[in-house]
Amino acid sequence: HLLAGVPALQVLAHRVVWSLLLLAAIVLAMRRAGPILAAARGRTLLLLCASAALIAVNWLVYIFAVQSGHVLEASLGYFINPLLNVALGMIVLGERIGTLQKAAVAVAALGVAVLAIAGGGALWISLTLAFSFGVYGLIRKVAAIDALGGLTVETALLVGPALAVLWLSPAPVFGRGTINLLLVLAGAVTAAPLLMFAAAARRLRYSTLGLLQYLAPTLQF
C-alpha cells in the first residue's frame, strides 16, 4: 500500500534488481559463485527458467492485487495454494497423507469454497496466484540446486527484462524520497522468505509444506 502510486511493473522490476544485488552480495561473501554456476546447467537451468517465469507472474499479479484493492482475492489465492501443494505432492511426487491430514485438507477445502463463493470479485487473481506459486514450489523441490543458488539464478534470469522496464518507463519513480528506501527494502523482503521457502521445499514433504503455508494467507486475510 505504501507503494500504491508506483506502477506494478516498476515495483516488480525494482524487486528483481534489488533482490539480485542482495543475493549476489551473499553469494560473493560465502564464495558460492563457482558451485552455483556449476549446478545451473542443463535440465536444472531449464527448470529455473520455468520457475523464474512463474515467480515473476506471481509477483506481478500480487502487486497488482494489492494496489488495486483486491487484497482478499490475493489472500484467497494463497488459501487455495496449500491445497494445490498437497495435490501436487500426492499426484506428482507420490506422497501420502494420514487420516488427520486428510481431515484438515477437507476442512480447508470447504473453507476455501465458502470464501470463493461468498467473495466473488476477481477470482482470476486467486487462481493465478495459487497455480503460479504451487507449480513454482514443485519445480524448486525437484531442481537439483540449493535455495540460495536457485533464487540467485532466477533473479539473474529476470534482471534483463527488469532493467529494460526501468529504462523504458516514461516516469521512473526512483529518486522520490522515502520511496527509494521502500523500493530497496523490497529486495530483502522478497529474497528472505523465498530463500526460506525454497530451503523448506527441499527438506519437507510437499504436502506438509502446503499445510504449513496456511500461516501466510491467514495473516493477509
Foldseek 3Di string as FASTA:
>chain_A
DVVLVPDLLLLLLLLLVLLLVVLVVVCVVVVPVVVLVVQCDDPLVVLLQLLLVLVSQLSSLCSVCVSVVNLLLQLLLLLVQLLLLLVCLCPVVVDDDDPVLVVVSVVSVVVSVVCCVVVPDPNVSSVSNNVSVNVSLVSLQPRPDALSSSSNSSSVVVNVVSVVCQVPPPDHDPPDPCVVVVSSVSSVVVRVVSSVSSNVSNVDRSSVSSVVSNVVSVVSD
